[in-house]
Amino acid sequence: MSDAVDDLDFWGRQLLKKSQLNPLRERMSEFVSDTGPTPDLSELREATSGGTDLSEIVDDEREERV
């Protein structure tokens, strides 16, 4: 019996998540369609990085654990 209740709880949570995410998904789709075609990501990174290599940006001020 508890398996049936657990399944019902699981599917209830899934349905709730879906109902919460659908409006966001729709807004994101509208935004993407309004901005035009998707740019090449490597060109976009290069343009926004100011000429700095992406690996340098990631490593910059990174705290390593010893």
PDB file of N, CA and C in Angstrom:
ATOM      1  N   MET A   1       0.816  -1.203   0.000  1.00  0.00           N
ATOM      2  CA  MET A   1       0.000   0.000   0.000  1.00  0.00           C
ATOM      3  C   MET A   1       0.851   1.253   0.000  1.00  0.00           C
ATOM      4  N   SER A   2       1.980   1.230   0.744  1.00  0.00           N
ATOM      5  CA  SER A   2       2.797   2.435   0.801  1.00  0.00           C
ATOM      6  C   SER A   2       3.462   2.716  -0.543  1.00  0.00           C
ATOM      7  N   ASP A   3       3.714   1.655  -1.348  1.00  0.00           N
ATOM      8  CA  ASP A   3       4.269   1.875  -2.680  1.00  0.00           C
ATOM      9  C   ASP A   3       3.306   2.682  -3.545  1.00  0.00           C
ATOM     10  N   ALA A   4       2.028   2.381  -3.439  1.00  0.00           N
ATOM     11  CA  ALA A   4       1.022   3.107  -4.215  1.00  0.00           C
ATOM     12  C   ALA A   4       0.961   4.561  -3.767  1.00  0.00           C
ATOM     13  N   VAL A   5       1.054   4.794  -2.468  1.00  0.00           N
ATOM     14  CA  VAL A   5       1.037   6.162  -1.946  1.00  0.00           C
ATOM     15  C   VAL A   5       2.294   6.902  -2.378  1.00  0.00           C
ATOM     16  N   ASP A   6       3.452   6.223  -2.313  1.00  0.00           N
ATOM     17  CA  ASP A   6       4.701   6.847  -2.745  1.00  0.00           C
ATOM     18  C   ASP A   6       4.642   7.209  -4.223  1.00  0.00           C
ATOM     19  N   ASP A   7       4.091   6.307  -5.045  1.00  0.00           N
ATOM     20  CA  ASP A   7       3.950   6.594  -6.473  1.00  0.00           C
ATOM     21  C   ASP A   7       3.037   7.780  -6.706  1.00  0.00           C
ATOM     22  N   LEU A   8       1.947   7.823  -5.967  1.00  0.00           N
ATOM     23  CA  LEU A   8       0.998   8.925  -6.105  1.00  0.00           C
ATOM     24  C   LEU A   8       1.656  10.243  -5.700  1.00  0.00           C
ATOM     25  N   ASP A   9       2.432  10.234  -4.616  1.00  0.00           N
ATOM     26  CA  ASP A   9       3.152  11.439  -4.195  1.00  0.00           C
ATOM     27  C   ASP A   9       4.152  11.864  -5.261  1.00  0.00           C
ATOM     28  N   PHE A  10       4.876  10.887  -5.813  1.00  0.00           N
ATOM     29  CA  PHE A  10       5.866  11.186  -6.842  1.00  0.00           C
ATOM     30  C   PHE A  10       5.212  11.834  -8.057  1.00  0.00           C
ATOM     31  N   TRP A  11       4.137  11.223  -8.561  1.00  0.00           N
ATOM     32  CA  TRP A  11       3.470  11.765  -9.747  1.00  0.00           C
ATOM     33  C   TRP A  11       2.812  13.112  -9.452  1.00  0.00           C
ATOM     34  N   GLY A  12       2.352  13.293  -8.231  1.00  0.00           N
ATOM     35  CA  GLY A  12       1.802  14.590  -7.851  1.00  0.00           C
ATOM     36  C   GLY A  12       2.865  15.677  -7.872  1.00  0.00           C
ATOM     37  N   ARG A  13       4.057  15.359  -7.345  1.00  0.00           N
ATOM     38  CA  ARG A  13       5.167  16.336  -7.376  1.00  0.00           C
ATOM     39  C   ARG A  13       5.603  16.619  -8.807  1.00  0.00           C
ATOM     40  N   GLN A  14       5.636  15.586  -9.649  1.00  0.00           N
ATOM     41  CA  GLN A  14       6.021  15.774 -11.047  1.00  0.00           C
ATOM     42  C   GLN A  14       5.038  16.696 -11.764  1.00  0.00           C
ATOM     43  N   LEU A  15       3.753  16.489 -11.530  1.00  0.00           N
ATOM     44  CA  LEU A  15       2.727  17.322 -12.150  1.00  0.00           C
ATOM     45  C   LEU A  15       2.832  18.766 -11.673  1.00  0.00           C
ATOM     46  N   LEU A  16       3.093  18.944 -10.387  1.00  0.00           N
ATOM     47  CA  LEU A  16       3.241  20.291  -9.844  1.00  0.00           C
ATOM     48  C   LEU A  16       4.450  20.985 -10.462  1.00  0.00           C
ATOM     49  N   LYS A  17       5.566  20.276 -10.575  1.00  0.00           N
ATOM     50  CA  LYS A  17       6.765  20.857 -11.199  1.00  0.00           C
ATOM     51  C   LYS A  17       6.483  21.257 -12.638  1.00  0.00           C
ATOM     52  N   LYS A  18       5.797  20.380 -13.360  1.00  0.00           N
ATOM     53  CA  LYS A  18       5.491  20.669 -14.762  1.00  0.00           C
ATOM     54  C   LYS A  18       4.622  21.912 -14.882  1.00  0.00           C
ATOM     55  N   SER A  19       3.632  22.046 -14.008  1.00  0.00           N
ATOM     56  CA  SER A  19       2.747  23.209 -14.071  1.00  0.00           C
ATOM     57  C   SER A  19       3.493  24.491 -13.726  1.00  0.00           C
ATOM     58  N   GLN A  20       4.518  24.388 -12.897  1.00  0.00           N
ATOM     59  CA  GLN A  20       5.301  25.570 -12.540  1.00  0.00           C
ATOM     60  C   GLN A  20       6.301  25.922 -13.632  1.00  0.00           C
ATOM     61  N   LEU A  21       6.804  24.932 -14.363  1.00  0.00           N
ATOM     62  CA  LEU A  21       7.828  25.175 -15.367  1.00  0.00           C
ATOM     63  C   LEU A  21       7.269  25.579 -16.726  1.00  0.00           C
ATOM     64  N   ASN A  22       6.064  25.178 -17.059  1.00  0.00           N
ATOM     65  CA  ASN A  22       5.514  25.480 -18.378  1.00  0.00           C
ATOM     66  C   ASN A  22       5.457  26.975 -18.683  1.00  0.00           C
ATOM     67  N   PRO A  23       4.975  27.832 -17.767  1.00  0.00           N
ATOM     68  CA  PRO A  23       4.977  29.266 -18.077  1.00  0.00           C
ATOM     69  C   PRO A  23       6.397  29.804 -18.325  1.00  0.00           C
ATOM     70  N   LEU A  24       7.358  29.349 -17.545  1.00  0.00           N
ATOM     71  CA  LEU A  24       8.740  29.782 -17.735  1.00  0.00           C
ATOM     72  C   LEU A  24       9.264  29.294 -19.076  1.00  0.00           C
ATOM     73  N   ARG A  25       8.983  28.060 -19.419  1.00  0.00           N
ATOM     74  CA  ARG A  25       9.425  27.497 -20.691  1.00  0.00           C
ATOM     75  C   ARG A  25       8.843  28.285 -21.857  1.00  0.00           C
ATOM     76  N   GLU A  26       7.569  28.671 -21.750  1.00  0.00           N
ATOM     77  CA  GLU A  26       6.921  29.457 -22.804  1.00  0.00           C
ATOM     78  C   GLU A  26       7.564  30.832 -22.932  1.00  0.00           C
ATOM     79  N   ARG A  27       7.850  31.479 -21.804  1.00  0.00           N
ATOM     80  CA  ARG A  27       8.490  32.796 -21.839  1.00  0.00           C
ATOM     81  C   ARG A  27       9.881  32.706 -22.447  1.00  0.00           C
ATOM     82  N   MET A  28      10.613  31.645 -22.104  1.00  0.00           N
ATOM     83  CA  MET A  28      11.952  31.473 -22.659  1.00  0.00           C
ATOM     84  C   MET A  28      11.883  31.239 -24.164  1.00  0.00           C
ATOM     85  N   SER A  29      10.927  30.455 -24.625  1.00  0.00           N
ATOM     86  CA  SER A  29      10.763  30.204 -26.055  1.00  0.00           C
ATOM     87  C   SER A  29      10.436  31.488 -26.799  1.00  0.00           C
ATOM     88  N   GLU A  30       9.565  32.319 -26.227  1.00  0.00           N
ATOM     89  CA  GLU A  30       9.234  33.601 -26.840  1.00  0.00           C
ATOM     90  C   GLU A  30      10.468  34.492 -26.936  1.00  0.00           C
ATOM     91  N   PHE A  31      11.271  34.526 -25.872  1.00  0.00           N
ATOM     92  CA  PHE A  31      12.472  35.349 -25.870  1.00  0.00           C
ATOM     93  C   PHE A  31      13.434  34.898 -26.958  1.00  0.00           C
ATOM     94  N   VAL A  32      13.637  33.592 -27.054  1.00  0.00           N
ATOM     95  CA  VAL A  32      14.566  33.056 -28.054  1.00  0.00           C
ATOM     96  C   VAL A  32      14.068  33.358 -29.460  1.00  0.00           C
ATOM     97  N   SER A  33      12.776  33.218 -29.687  1.00  0.00           N
ATOM     98  CA  SER A  33      12.248  33.489 -31.027  1.00  0.00           C
ATOM     99  C   SER A  33      12.331  34.978 -31.363  1.00  0.00           C
ATOM    100  N   ASP A  34      12.231  35.842 -30.350  1.00  0.00           N
ATOM    101  CA  ASP A  34      12.325  37.289 -30.589  1.00  0.00           C
ATOM    102  C   ASP A  34      13.747  37.754 -30.861  1.00  0.00           C
ATOM    103  N   THR A  35      14.740  37.038 -30.349  1.00  0.00           N
ATOM    104  CA  THR A  35      16.124  37.479 -30.505  1.00  0.00           C
ATOM    105  C   THR A  35      16.745  37.049 -31.818  1.00  0.00           C
ATOM    106  N   GLY A  36      16.059  36.220 -32.575  1.00  0.00           N
ATOM    107  CA  GLY A  36      16.566  35.813 -33.880  1.00  0.00           C
ATOM    108  C   GLY A  36      17.336  34.510 -33.810  1.00  0.00           C
ATOM    109  N   PRO A  37      18.129  34.239 -34.853  1.00  0.00           N
ATOM    110  CA  PRO A  37      18.839  32.959 -34.905  1.00  0.00           C
ATOM    111  C   PRO A  37      19.906  32.853 -33.812  1.00  0.00           C
ATOM    112  N   THR A  38      20.160  31.626 -33.407  1.00  0.00           N
ATOM    113  CA  THR A  38      21.155  31.376 -32.374  1.00  0.00           C
ATOM    114  C   THR A  38      22.543  31.613 -32.941  1.00  0.00           C
ATOM    115  N   PRO A  39      23.347  32.459 -32.291  1.00  0.00           N
ATOM    116  CA  PRO A  39      24.696  32.723 -32.802  1.00  0.00           C
ATOM    117  C   PRO A  39      25.619  31.534 -32.542  1.00  0.00           C
ATOM    118  N   ASP A  40      26.724  31.508 -33.259  1.00  0.00           N
ATOM    119  CA  ASP A  40      27.736  30.493 -33.009  1.00  0.00           C
ATOM    120  C   ASP A  40      28.327  30.765 -31.630  1.00  0.00           C
ATOM    121  N   LEU A  41      28.284  29.775 -30.741  1.00  0.00           N
ATOM    122  CA  LEU A  41      28.694  29.999 -29.355  1.00  0.00           C
ATOM    123  C   LEU A  41      30.171  30.346 -29.228  1.00  0.00           C
ATOM    124  N   SER A  42      31.018  29.750 -30.050  1.00  0.00           N
ATOM    125  CA  SER A  42      32.446  30.076 -29.956  1.00  0.00           C
ATOM    126  C   SER A  42      32.693  31.529 -30.353  1.00  0.00           C
ATOM    127  N   GLU A  43      31.975  32.016 -31.365  1.00  0.00           N
ATOM    128  CA  GLU A  43      32.108  33.425 -31.763  1.00  0.00           C
ATOM    129  C   GLU A  43      31.556  34.343 -30.669  1.00  0.00           C
ATOM    130  N   LEU A  44      30.457  33.951 -30.051  1.00  0.00           N
ATOM    131  CA  LEU A  44      29.867  34.751 -28.982  1.00  0.00           C
ATOM    132  C   LEU A  44      30.814  34.836 -27.791  1.00  0.00           C
ATOM    133  N   ARG A  45      31.426  33.714 -27.403  1.00  0.00           N
ATOM    134  CA  ARG A  45      32.386  33.726 -26.294  1.00  0.00           C
ATOM    135  C   ARG A  45      33.568  34.629 -26.612  1.00  0.00           C
ATOM    136  N   GLU A  46      34.057  34.523 -27.845  1.00  0.00           N
ATOM    137  CA  GLU A  46      35.200  35.324 -28.249  1.00  0.00           C
ATOM    138  C   GLU A  46      34.866  36.811 -28.212  1.00  0.00           C
ATOM    139  N   ALA A  47      33.669  37.148 -28.660  1.00  0.00           N
ATOM    140  CA  ALA A  47      33.254  38.554 -28.703  1.00  0.00           C
ATOM    141  C   ALA A  47      33.036  39.126 -27.309  1.00  0.00           C
ATOM    142  N   THR A  48      32.536  38.326 -26.384  1.00  0.00           N
ATOM    143  CA  THR A  48      32.220  38.834 -25.050  1.00  0.00           C
ATOM    144  C   THR A  48      33.374  38.700 -24.058  1.00  0.00           C
ATOM    145  N   SER A  49      34.398  37.947 -24.399  1.00  0.00           N
ATOM    146  CA  SER A  49      35.499  37.732 -23.460  1.00  0.00           C
ATOM    147  C   SER A  49      36.539  38.842 -23.505  1.00  0.00           C
ATOM    148  N   GLY A  50      36.453  39.710 -24.496  1.00  0.00           N
ATOM    149  CA  GLY A  50      37.444  40.770 -24.614  1.00  0.00           C
ATOM    150  C   GLY A  50      38.803  40.238 -25.064  1.00  0.00           C
ATOM    151  N   GLY A  51      38.808  39.116 -25.783  1.00  0.00           N
ATOM    152  CA  GLY A  51      40.043  38.539 -26.291  1.00  0.00           C
ATOM    153  C   GLY A  51      40.730  37.586 -25.324  1.00  0.00           C
ATOM    154  N   THR A  52      40.173  37.423 -24.126  1.00  0.00           N
ATOM    155  CA  THR A  52      40.761  36.523 -23.138  1.00  0.00           C
ATOM    156  C   THR A  52      40.272  35.107 -23.403  1.00  0.00           C
ATOM    157  N   ASP A  53      41.173  34.146 -23.320  1.00  0.00           N
ATOM    158  CA  ASP A  53      40.808  32.758 -23.523  1.00  0.00           C
ATOM    159  C   ASP A  53      39.852  32.312 -22.419  1.00  0.00           C
ATOM    160  N   LEU A  54      38.877  31.501 -22.777  1.00  0.00           N
ATOM    161  CA  LEU A  54      37.869  31.065 -21.819  1.00  0.00           C
ATOM    162  C   LEU A  54      38.485  30.325 -20.637  1.00  0.00           C
ATOM    163  N   SER A  55      39.504  29.508 -20.877  1.00  0.00           N
ATOM    164  CA  SER A  55      40.131  28.764 -19.785  1.00  0.00           C
ATOM    165  C   SER A  55      40.811  29.703 -18.790  1.00  0.00           C
ATOM    166  N   GLU A  56      41.321  30.837 -19.268  1.00  0.00           N
ATOM    167  CA  GLU A  56      41.928  31.820 -18.361  1.00  0.00           C
ATOM    168  C   GLU A  56      40.863  32.499 -17.506  1.00  0.00           C
ATOM    169  N   ILE A  57      39.707  32.748 -18.093  1.00  0.00           N
ATOM    170  CA  ILE A  57      38.623  33.371 -17.345  1.00  0.00           C
ATOM    171  C   ILE A  57      38.157  32.441 -16.230  1.00  0.00           C
ATOM    172  N   VAL A  58      38.050  31.157 -16.541  1.00  0.00           N
ATOM    173  CA  VAL A  58      37.595  30.183 -15.551  1.00  0.00           C
ATOM    174  C   VAL A  58      38.609  30.047 -14.428  1.00  0.00           C
ATOM    175  N   ASP A  59      39.896  30.039 -14.758  1.00  0.00           N
ATOM    176  CA  ASP A  59      40.944  29.857 -13.748  1.00  0.00           C
ATOM    177  C   ASP A  59      41.242  31.121 -12.960  1.00  0.00           C
ATOM    178  N   ASP A  60      40.830  32.274 -13.458  1.00  0.00           N
ATOM    179  CA  ASP A  60      41.134  33.557 -12.809  1.00  0.00           C
ATOM    180  C   ASP A  60      40.515  33.609 -11.423  1.00  0.00           C
ATOM    181  N   GLU A  61      41.331  33.891 -10.441  1.00  0.00           N
ATOM    182  CA  GLU A  61      40.921  34.032  -9.041  1.00  0.00           C
ATOM    183  C   GLU A  61      40.221  32.788  -8.493  1.00  0.00           C
ATOM    184  N   ARG A  62      40.603  31.656  -8.973  1.00  0.00           N
ATOM    185  CA  ARG A  62      40.003  30.409  -8.497  1.00  0.00           C
ATOM    186  C   ARG A  62      40.786  29.925  -7.285  1.00  0.00           C
ATOM    187  N   GLU A  63      40.099  29.537  -6.257  1.00  0.00           N
ATOM    188  CA  GLU A  63      40.753  29.031  -5.059  1.00  0.00           C
ATOM    189  C   GLU A  63      40.862  27.519  -5.152  1.00  0.00           C
ATOM    190  N   GLU A  64      42.077  27.028  -5.130  1.00  0.00           N
ATOM    191  CA  GLU A  64      42.303  25.584  -5.192  1.00  0.00           C
ATOM    192  C   GLU A  64      42.468  25.040  -3.783  1.00  0.00           C
ATOM    193  N   ARG A  65      41.935  23.886  -3.535  1.00  0.00           N
ATOM    194  CA  ARG A  65      42.123  23.240  -2.250  1.00  0.00           C
ATOM    195  C   ARG A  65      43.386  22.403  -2.317  1.00  0.00           C
ATOM    196  N   VAL A  66      44.148  22.448  -1.243  1.00  0.00           N
ATOM    197  CA  VAL A  66      45.389  21.681  -1.209  1.00  0.00           C
ATOM    198  C   VAL A  66      45.182  20.395  -0.436  1.00  0.00           C
TER     199      VAL A  66
END
